């Protein structure tokens, strides 16, 4: 079954733990995800503020919100929205280096 929550970058928002926790209004999952993501960010050397459970809320990057902080700041999402796109596939520069790099981290 195809998801109706595909992000600008073509990632499936419905597989994202922040999206799932929001859809299920699951505070325990939010807490677990915040802890796991904080550990992952530190291990990868990211210098990000510590996530709290209340930060783990998202209805998909193309929704009216809430949108997870990282997704709000995503340059791929911002680029597509500034061009009036619903997907990077609609772009004449489809498969730009930024998109390829992001997708390589998830696929």
N, C-alpha and C. Protein backbone atom coordinates (compact mmCIF):
# COMPACT_ATOMS: atom_id res chain seq x y z
N UNK A 1 0.85 -1.18 0.00
CA UNK A 1 0.00 0.00 0.00
C UNK A 1 0.89 1.24 0.00
N UNK A 2 0.59 2.17 -0.86
CA UNK A 2 1.37 3.40 -0.97
C UNK A 2 0.92 4.41 0.08
N UNK A 3 1.88 5.06 0.70
CA UNK A 3 1.58 6.04 1.73
C UNK A 3 1.10 7.35 1.11
N UNK A 4 0.19 8.02 1.79
CA UNK A 4 -0.24 9.35 1.33
C UNK A 4 0.58 10.43 2.02
N UNK A 5 1.59 10.04 2.77
CA UNK A 5 2.42 10.98 3.51
C UNK A 5 3.86 10.97 2.99
N UNK A 6 4.02 11.22 1.73
CA UNK A 6 5.36 11.27 1.15
C UNK A 6 5.86 12.71 1.25
N UNK A 7 7.08 12.87 1.77
CA UNK A 7 7.66 14.19 1.95
C UNK A 7 8.16 14.76 0.64
N UNK A 8 8.54 16.02 0.68
CA UNK A 8 9.10 16.70 -0.47
C UNK A 8 10.24 15.89 -1.08
N UNK A 9 11.06 15.30 -0.21
CA UNK A 9 12.26 14.57 -0.64
C UNK A 9 11.96 13.12 -1.01
N UNK A 10 10.72 12.73 -0.99
CA UNK A 10 10.24 11.41 -1.35
C UNK A 10 10.40 10.38 -0.25
N UNK A 11 10.83 10.79 0.95
CA UNK A 11 10.84 9.86 2.07
C UNK A 11 9.42 9.66 2.55
N UNK A 12 9.13 8.49 3.07
CA UNK A 12 7.80 8.15 3.54
C UNK A 12 7.62 8.62 4.98
N UNK A 13 6.94 9.73 5.15
CA UNK A 13 6.72 10.30 6.49
C UNK A 13 6.02 9.28 7.40
N UNK A 14 5.17 8.44 6.85
CA UNK A 14 4.41 7.49 7.64
C UNK A 14 5.29 6.43 8.29
N UNK A 15 6.56 6.34 7.89
CA UNK A 15 7.51 5.41 8.52
C UNK A 15 8.36 6.11 9.58
N UNK A 16 8.22 7.41 9.71
CA UNK A 16 9.01 8.19 10.66
C UNK A 16 8.43 8.05 12.06
N UNK A 17 9.31 7.83 13.04
CA UNK A 17 8.85 7.63 14.42
C UNK A 17 8.19 8.88 15.00
N UNK A 18 8.61 10.06 14.60
CA UNK A 18 7.95 11.28 15.08
C UNK A 18 6.53 11.35 14.53
N UNK A 19 6.36 11.00 13.26
CA UNK A 19 5.04 10.99 12.64
C UNK A 19 4.14 9.97 13.33
N UNK A 20 4.67 8.77 13.55
CA UNK A 20 3.88 7.70 14.18
C UNK A 20 3.47 8.10 15.60
N UNK A 21 4.41 8.65 16.38
CA UNK A 21 4.08 9.08 17.74
C UNK A 21 3.00 10.15 17.74
N UNK A 22 3.07 11.06 16.77
CA UNK A 22 2.06 12.12 16.68
C UNK A 22 0.70 11.54 16.29
N UNK A 23 0.69 10.68 15.28
CA UNK A 23 -0.57 10.08 14.84
C UNK A 23 -1.25 9.31 15.97
N UNK A 24 -0.44 8.63 16.79
CA UNK A 24 -0.98 7.82 17.88
C UNK A 24 -1.08 8.58 19.20
N UNK A 25 -0.66 9.86 19.20
CA UNK A 25 -0.63 10.67 20.42
C UNK A 25 0.00 9.88 21.56
N UNK A 26 1.19 9.33 21.28
CA UNK A 26 1.87 8.39 22.16
C UNK A 26 3.05 9.08 22.86
N UNK A 27 2.82 9.55 24.08
CA UNK A 27 3.86 10.26 24.82
C UNK A 27 5.04 9.37 25.18
N UNK A 28 4.78 8.10 25.47
CA UNK A 28 5.88 7.17 25.78
C UNK A 28 6.78 6.99 24.56
N UNK A 29 6.20 6.90 23.40
CA UNK A 29 7.00 6.78 22.18
C UNK A 29 7.78 8.07 21.93
N UNK A 30 7.17 9.21 22.16
CA UNK A 30 7.87 10.49 22.00
C UNK A 30 9.12 10.53 22.89
N UNK A 31 8.96 10.09 24.13
CA UNK A 31 10.08 10.08 25.07
C UNK A 31 11.18 9.14 24.58
N UNK A 32 10.80 7.95 24.13
CA UNK A 32 11.75 6.95 23.64
C UNK A 32 12.49 7.49 22.41
N UNK A 33 11.76 8.06 21.47
CA UNK A 33 12.35 8.59 20.24
C UNK A 33 13.31 9.74 20.55
N UNK A 34 12.92 10.63 21.44
CA UNK A 34 13.80 11.75 21.80
C UNK A 34 15.12 11.22 22.34
N UNK A 35 15.06 10.24 23.23
CA UNK A 35 16.28 9.66 23.78
C UNK A 35 17.14 8.99 22.73
N UNK A 36 16.51 8.20 21.86
CA UNK A 36 17.26 7.50 20.81
C UNK A 36 17.87 8.48 19.82
N UNK A 37 17.12 9.49 19.43
CA UNK A 37 17.64 10.46 18.46
C UNK A 37 18.75 11.31 19.07
N UNK A 38 18.64 11.65 20.35
CA UNK A 38 19.71 12.39 21.01
C UNK A 38 21.01 11.59 20.99
N UNK A 39 20.90 10.30 21.29
CA UNK A 39 22.07 9.42 21.27
C UNK A 39 22.65 9.34 19.87
N UNK A 40 21.79 9.14 18.89
CA UNK A 40 22.24 9.03 17.49
C UNK A 40 22.92 10.31 17.02
N UNK A 41 22.34 11.46 17.32
CA UNK A 41 22.93 12.74 16.91
C UNK A 41 24.31 12.93 17.52
N UNK A 42 24.43 12.59 18.81
CA UNK A 42 25.73 12.73 19.48
C UNK A 42 26.77 11.80 18.87
N UNK A 43 26.37 10.55 18.59
CA UNK A 43 27.29 9.58 18.00
C UNK A 43 27.79 10.02 16.63
N UNK A 44 26.94 10.69 15.90
CA UNK A 44 27.32 11.16 14.56
C UNK A 44 28.03 12.51 14.61
N UNK A 45 28.17 13.08 15.79
CA UNK A 45 28.89 14.34 15.95
C UNK A 45 28.08 15.58 15.64
N UNK A 46 26.75 15.46 15.57
CA UNK A 46 25.92 16.63 15.34
C UNK A 46 25.89 17.50 16.59
N UNK A 47 25.98 18.76 16.40
CA UNK A 47 25.91 19.71 17.51
C UNK A 47 24.50 20.30 17.52
N UNK A 48 23.57 19.55 18.10
CA UNK A 48 22.18 19.99 18.15
C UNK A 48 21.72 20.10 19.59
N UNK A 49 20.76 20.97 19.83
CA UNK A 49 20.19 21.04 21.18
C UNK A 49 19.53 19.69 21.52
N UNK A 50 19.53 19.37 22.79
CA UNK A 50 18.92 18.13 23.28
C UNK A 50 17.42 18.14 22.98
N UNK A 51 16.93 17.07 22.37
CA UNK A 51 15.50 16.94 22.11
C UNK A 51 14.77 16.56 23.38
N UNK A 52 13.57 17.07 23.50
CA UNK A 52 12.67 16.69 24.58
C UNK A 52 11.48 15.98 23.94
N UNK A 53 10.75 15.22 24.71
CA UNK A 53 9.62 14.47 24.18
C UNK A 53 8.65 15.38 23.43
N UNK A 54 8.40 16.57 23.94
CA UNK A 54 7.45 17.49 23.30
C UNK A 54 7.95 17.99 21.94
N UNK A 55 9.25 17.79 21.65
CA UNK A 55 9.80 18.18 20.35
C UNK A 55 9.46 17.17 19.26
N UNK A 56 9.04 15.97 19.67
CA UNK A 56 8.81 14.88 18.72
C UNK A 56 7.35 14.89 18.30
N UNK A 57 7.03 15.81 17.41
CA UNK A 57 5.67 15.96 16.87
C UNK A 57 5.76 16.31 15.40
N UNK A 58 5.06 15.57 14.56
CA UNK A 58 5.07 15.87 13.13
C UNK A 58 3.88 15.20 12.45
N UNK A 59 3.26 15.93 11.56
CA UNK A 59 2.17 15.39 10.74
C UNK A 59 2.59 15.27 9.28
N UNK A 60 3.88 15.37 9.02
CA UNK A 60 4.39 15.26 7.66
C UNK A 60 4.86 16.62 7.16
N UNK A 61 5.92 16.62 6.39
CA UNK A 61 6.56 17.89 6.03
C UNK A 61 5.71 18.77 5.11
N UNK A 62 4.71 18.21 4.47
CA UNK A 62 3.85 19.00 3.60
C UNK A 62 2.52 19.35 4.27
N UNK A 63 2.40 19.01 5.54
CA UNK A 63 1.17 19.30 6.27
C UNK A 63 1.17 20.73 6.80
N UNK A 64 0.06 21.12 7.39
CA UNK A 64 -0.05 22.43 8.03
C UNK A 64 0.58 22.43 9.42
N UNK A 65 1.07 21.29 9.86
CA UNK A 65 1.77 21.19 11.14
C UNK A 65 1.02 20.36 12.15
N UNK A 66 1.65 20.06 13.24
CA UNK A 66 3.03 20.43 13.55
C UNK A 66 4.02 19.69 12.65
N UNK A 67 5.19 20.27 12.52
CA UNK A 67 6.25 19.70 11.71
C UNK A 67 7.50 19.62 12.58
N UNK A 68 8.13 18.46 12.60
CA UNK A 68 9.34 18.24 13.39
C UNK A 68 10.38 19.30 13.05
N UNK A 69 11.10 19.78 14.05
CA UNK A 69 12.05 20.88 13.90
C UNK A 69 13.02 20.67 12.74
N UNK A 70 13.63 19.49 12.65
CA UNK A 70 14.57 19.23 11.57
C UNK A 70 13.89 19.39 10.21
N UNK A 71 12.68 18.89 10.10
CA UNK A 71 11.95 18.98 8.83
C UNK A 71 11.58 20.42 8.50
N UNK A 72 11.27 21.22 9.53
CA UNK A 72 10.99 22.64 9.30
C UNK A 72 12.19 23.34 8.67
N UNK A 73 13.39 22.94 9.10
CA UNK A 73 14.62 23.57 8.65
C UNK A 73 15.24 22.91 7.42
N UNK A 74 14.66 21.84 6.94
CA UNK A 74 15.21 21.06 5.82
C UNK A 74 15.31 21.93 4.56
N UNK A 75 16.53 22.04 4.01
CA UNK A 75 16.71 22.90 2.84
C UNK A 75 16.03 22.31 1.61
N UNK A 76 15.85 21.01 1.55
CA UNK A 76 15.14 20.41 0.43
C UNK A 76 13.67 20.79 0.49
N UNK A 77 13.07 20.68 1.66
CA UNK A 77 11.67 21.07 1.84
C UNK A 77 11.49 22.55 1.53
N UNK A 78 12.37 23.39 2.06
CA UNK A 78 12.27 24.84 1.83
C UNK A 78 12.41 25.17 0.35
N UNK A 79 13.32 24.50 -0.33
CA UNK A 79 13.52 24.74 -1.77
C UNK A 79 12.25 24.39 -2.55
N UNK A 80 11.70 23.22 -2.28
CA UNK A 80 10.50 22.79 -2.99
C UNK A 80 9.31 23.70 -2.73
N UNK A 81 9.11 24.06 -1.46
CA UNK A 81 7.99 24.95 -1.14
C UNK A 81 8.16 26.31 -1.80
N UNK A 82 9.40 26.81 -1.85
CA UNK A 82 9.63 28.12 -2.48
C UNK A 82 9.33 28.08 -3.97
N UNK A 83 9.36 26.89 -4.56
CA UNK A 83 9.08 26.73 -5.99
C UNK A 83 7.63 26.29 -6.23
N UNK A 84 6.87 26.14 -5.15
CA UNK A 84 5.47 25.73 -5.28
C UNK A 84 5.30 24.26 -5.64
N UNK A 85 6.27 23.43 -5.28
CA UNK A 85 6.22 22.01 -5.60
C UNK A 85 5.60 21.20 -4.47
N UNK A 86 5.09 20.02 -4.82
CA UNK A 86 4.61 19.07 -3.82
C UNK A 86 5.58 17.92 -3.67
N UNK A 87 6.54 17.83 -4.58
CA UNK A 87 7.55 16.78 -4.56
C UNK A 87 8.74 17.22 -5.39
N UNK A 88 9.91 16.76 -5.01
CA UNK A 88 11.11 17.06 -5.79
C UNK A 88 11.00 16.51 -7.22
N UNK A 89 10.18 15.49 -7.41
CA UNK A 89 9.99 14.93 -8.75
C UNK A 89 9.45 15.95 -9.74
N UNK A 90 8.78 16.98 -9.25
CA UNK A 90 8.23 18.01 -10.12
C UNK A 90 9.27 19.03 -10.57
N UNK A 91 10.48 18.95 -10.01
CA UNK A 91 11.51 19.96 -10.25
C UNK A 91 12.33 19.64 -11.50
N UNK A 92 12.67 20.69 -12.26
CA UNK A 92 13.51 20.51 -13.45
C UNK A 92 14.92 20.07 -13.08
N UNK A 93 15.34 20.31 -11.85
CA UNK A 93 16.66 19.88 -11.38
C UNK A 93 16.59 18.61 -10.55
N UNK A 94 15.58 17.79 -10.85
CA UNK A 94 15.33 16.57 -10.07
C UNK A 94 16.60 15.73 -9.92
N UNK A 95 16.76 15.25 -8.71
CA UNK A 95 17.93 14.49 -8.27
C UNK A 95 19.15 15.39 -8.14
N UNK A 96 18.91 16.58 -7.58
CA UNK A 96 20.01 17.50 -7.29
C UNK A 96 20.92 16.85 -6.24
N UNK A 97 22.14 17.34 -6.08
CA UNK A 97 23.07 16.76 -5.11
C UNK A 97 22.53 16.72 -3.68
N UNK A 98 21.77 17.74 -3.27
CA UNK A 98 21.22 17.76 -1.91
C UNK A 98 20.23 16.61 -1.71
N UNK A 99 19.39 16.37 -2.70
CA UNK A 99 18.41 15.29 -2.62
C UNK A 99 19.11 13.93 -2.61
N UNK A 100 20.06 13.75 -3.48
CA UNK A 100 20.79 12.48 -3.56
C UNK A 100 21.47 12.18 -2.22
N UNK A 101 22.10 13.21 -1.64
CA UNK A 101 22.80 13.03 -0.36
C UNK A 101 21.82 12.66 0.75
N UNK A 102 20.68 13.35 0.82
CA UNK A 102 19.70 13.05 1.87
C UNK A 102 19.14 11.65 1.70
N UNK A 103 18.77 11.30 0.49
CA UNK A 103 18.20 9.97 0.27
C UNK A 103 19.22 8.86 0.56
N UNK A 104 20.49 9.13 0.33
CA UNK A 104 21.51 8.11 0.58
C UNK A 104 21.60 7.78 2.07
N UNK A 105 21.21 8.70 2.93
CA UNK A 105 21.23 8.45 4.37
C UNK A 105 20.08 7.60 4.83
N UNK A 106 19.02 7.49 4.03
CA UNK A 106 17.82 6.78 4.45
C UNK A 106 17.52 5.53 3.65
N UNK A 107 18.06 5.40 2.47
CA UNK A 107 17.77 4.22 1.63
C UNK A 107 18.95 3.32 1.55
